[in-house]
Protein backbone atom coordinates (compact mmCIF):
# COMPACT_ATOMS: atom_id res chain seq x y z
CA MET A 1 57.93 138.22 16.57
CA ILE A 2 57.21 134.99 14.70
CA ILE A 3 55.40 132.18 16.37
CA ALA A 4 55.21 128.78 14.61
CA ASP A 5 51.97 127.07 15.42
CA LEU A 6 51.68 123.26 14.91
CA GLU A 7 47.97 123.41 14.50
CA LYS A 8 48.44 125.75 11.38
CA LEU A 9 51.36 124.09 9.67
CA PRO A 10 50.33 121.66 6.91
CA GLY A 11 53.32 119.31 7.09
CA GLY A 12 53.87 116.40 4.93
CA LYS A 13 53.54 112.56 4.92
CA PHE A 14 56.59 110.43 4.25
CA PRO A 15 56.59 106.90 2.87
CA ALA A 16 58.08 105.48 6.15
CA ARG A 17 54.79 106.08 7.81
CA ARG A 18 55.50 109.48 9.48
CA TRP A 19 54.12 112.97 9.32
CA GLY A 20 56.48 115.83 9.74
CA ARG A 21 56.30 119.61 10.12
CA GLY A 22 59.37 121.88 9.98
CA LEU A 23 59.33 124.68 12.56
CA VAL A 24 62.71 126.32 12.38
CA GLY A 25 65.26 126.45 9.65
CA GLN A 26 65.79 127.52 6.04
CA GLY A 27 63.31 127.08 3.26
CA PRO A 28 59.60 126.89 4.01
CA GLN A 29 59.83 126.77 7.78
CA PRO A 30 57.96 129.64 9.49
CA ILE A 31 60.92 130.58 11.71
CA GLN A 32 63.99 131.18 9.62
CA ALA A 33 67.27 130.19 11.20
CA LYS A 34 70.61 129.44 9.65
CA GLY A 35 72.35 127.97 12.76
CA PHE A 36 69.92 125.06 13.43
CA SER A 37 66.79 123.42 12.23
CA MET A 38 63.94 122.04 14.35
CA GLY A 39 60.70 120.05 13.62
CA TYR A 40 57.95 117.87 14.96
CA SER A 41 57.23 114.41 13.64
CA ILE A 42 54.67 111.80 14.38
CA LEU A 43 55.45 108.14 13.62
CA GLU A 44 52.53 105.77 13.09
CA PRO A 45 52.17 102.75 15.54
CA HIS A 46 53.85 99.42 14.79
CA GLY A 47 56.55 100.51 12.50
CA GLY A 48 56.34 104.12 11.52
CA GLN A 49 59.94 105.23 11.08
CA VAL A 50 62.72 107.75 10.43
CA PRO A 51 64.63 105.19 8.17
CA TRP A 52 68.31 104.37 8.32
CA HIS A 53 70.33 107.35 7.04
CA ASN A 54 73.07 109.81 7.83
CA GLN A 55 73.73 113.51 7.27
CA GLU A 56 76.47 116.10 7.70
CA GLN A 57 74.77 117.73 10.69
CA GLU A 58 74.72 116.62 14.32
CA GLU A 59 71.23 115.85 15.48
CA VAL A 60 69.05 115.36 18.46
CA TYR A 61 65.69 113.52 18.82
CA PHE A 62 63.45 114.08 21.85
CA ILE A 63 60.63 111.62 22.39
CA VAL A 64 57.59 113.63 23.44
CA GLN A 65 55.13 110.63 23.50
CA GLY A 66 55.29 106.93 22.76
CA LYS A 67 57.96 104.32 22.65
CA GLY A 68 60.20 102.81 20.06
CA GLU A 69 63.74 101.64 19.04
CA ILE A 70 66.56 103.85 18.29
CA CYS A 71 69.65 102.65 16.29
CA VAL A 72 72.87 104.88 16.05
CA GLY A 73 75.78 103.29 14.34
CA THR A 74 76.29 99.78 15.72
CA GLU A 75 74.11 100.37 18.86
CA ARG A 76 70.43 99.65 19.31
CA SER A 77 68.15 100.62 22.24
CA GLU A 78 64.60 101.12 23.47
CA ILE A 79 63.65 104.74 23.74
CA LYS A 80 60.54 106.32 25.27
CA ALA A 81 58.71 109.51 26.13
CA GLY A 82 60.99 111.84 28.03
CA GLN A 83 64.17 110.56 26.65
CA CYS A 84 66.56 112.39 24.20
CA VAL A 85 69.28 110.82 21.84
CA PHE A 86 72.32 112.41 20.17
CA MET A 87 73.48 111.42 16.68
CA PRO A 88 76.98 112.58 15.67
CA PRO A 89 77.65 114.00 12.28
CA LYS A 90 77.82 111.34 9.52
CA GLN A 91 76.72 108.64 11.84
CA PHE A 92 73.84 106.47 10.52
CA HIS A 93 70.66 106.29 12.64
CA GLN A 94 67.09 105.03 12.55
CA LEU A 95 64.04 105.62 14.76
CA THR A 96 61.13 103.15 14.69
CA ASN A 97 57.86 103.26 16.62
CA THR A 98 57.37 99.87 18.17
CA GLY A 99 54.32 100.74 20.23
CA ASP A 100 50.57 100.68 19.85
CA GLU A 101 50.15 104.47 19.95
CA PRO A 102 51.60 107.20 17.63
CA MET A 103 55.19 108.35 18.59
CA HIS A 104 55.57 112.05 18.74
CA MET A 105 59.15 113.45 18.55
CA ILE A 106 61.11 116.69 18.17
CA TYR A 107 64.23 116.85 16.10
CA VAL A 108 66.98 119.40 16.21
CA TYR A 109 70.02 119.55 13.90
CA CYS A 110 72.72 121.98 13.33
CA PRO A 111 73.95 123.64 11.41
CA GLY A 112 70.60 124.26 9.71
CA GLY A 113 69.98 123.37 6.06
CA ASP A 114 68.64 120.76 3.92
CA VAL A 115 69.07 117.06 4.44
CA ALA A 116 69.18 114.74 1.47
CA HIS A 117 67.45 111.72 3.13
CA TRP A 118 64.04 113.55 3.03
CA ARG A 119 64.17 113.96 -0.76
CA GLN A 120 65.49 110.49 -1.25
CA GLU A 121 62.67 108.98 0.95
CA LEU A 122 60.04 110.86 -0.93
CA ALA A 123 61.59 109.87 -4.31
CA GLY A 124 61.92 106.16 -3.25
CA THR A 125 65.74 106.32 -3.69
CA LEU A 126 66.85 106.18 -0.02
CA PRO A 127 69.73 103.63 0.07
CA ARG A 128 69.16 100.42 1.80
CA ALA A 129 70.99 99.43 4.93
CA GLY A 130 73.81 96.92 4.19
CA GLU A 131 73.98 97.54 0.44
CA GLY A 132 77.04 99.09 -1.30
CA ASP A 133 78.75 101.34 1.14
CA ILE A 134 75.76 101.72 3.53
CA PRO A 135 76.39 100.00 6.83
CA PRO A 136 74.07 97.28 8.01
CA LEU A 137 71.48 98.05 10.77
CA PRO A 138 72.53 96.83 14.31
CA THR A 139 71.84 93.12 15.05
CA GLY A 140 67.98 92.57 15.84
CA ALA A 141 66.93 96.03 14.67
CA GLN A 142 63.58 96.72 13.16
CA PRO A 143 63.78 96.51 9.31
CA GLN A 144 64.35 99.70 7.42
CA CYS A 145 61.27 101.05 5.81
CA THR A 146 62.08 102.11 2.30
CA LYS A 147 60.54 101.77 -1.20
CA VAL A 148 63.97 100.92 -2.73
């Protein structure tokens, strides 16, 4: 039996002001699975973010603590603890903490595997919303947090 313990996982800091730890999936995750990936992230207050991106996998975010704004495609909505949102494959999406406290969230995507937006964000090459073939954020959305 393999038990992944959040207290014992080092995790990593992302430029968009969040800290994440992979729990399940391929690569360095303690629980290896091919069918799906799962992790835990904490977004800093007042703007910590999973910036505007898309990926091949379908994905779900579950908000454990805090509140914020979720954008999926052309839609924008408030989201809070106890709520879950689904992102279809290839659909651009962004999650922003708009609250005064850290936002804790769990993500699950399938099939498992690597997603390019992590590497792009860390390298400062994540494409900007509304530039080139990247769709714009929904009207009124929090700005995308990116180094580019």
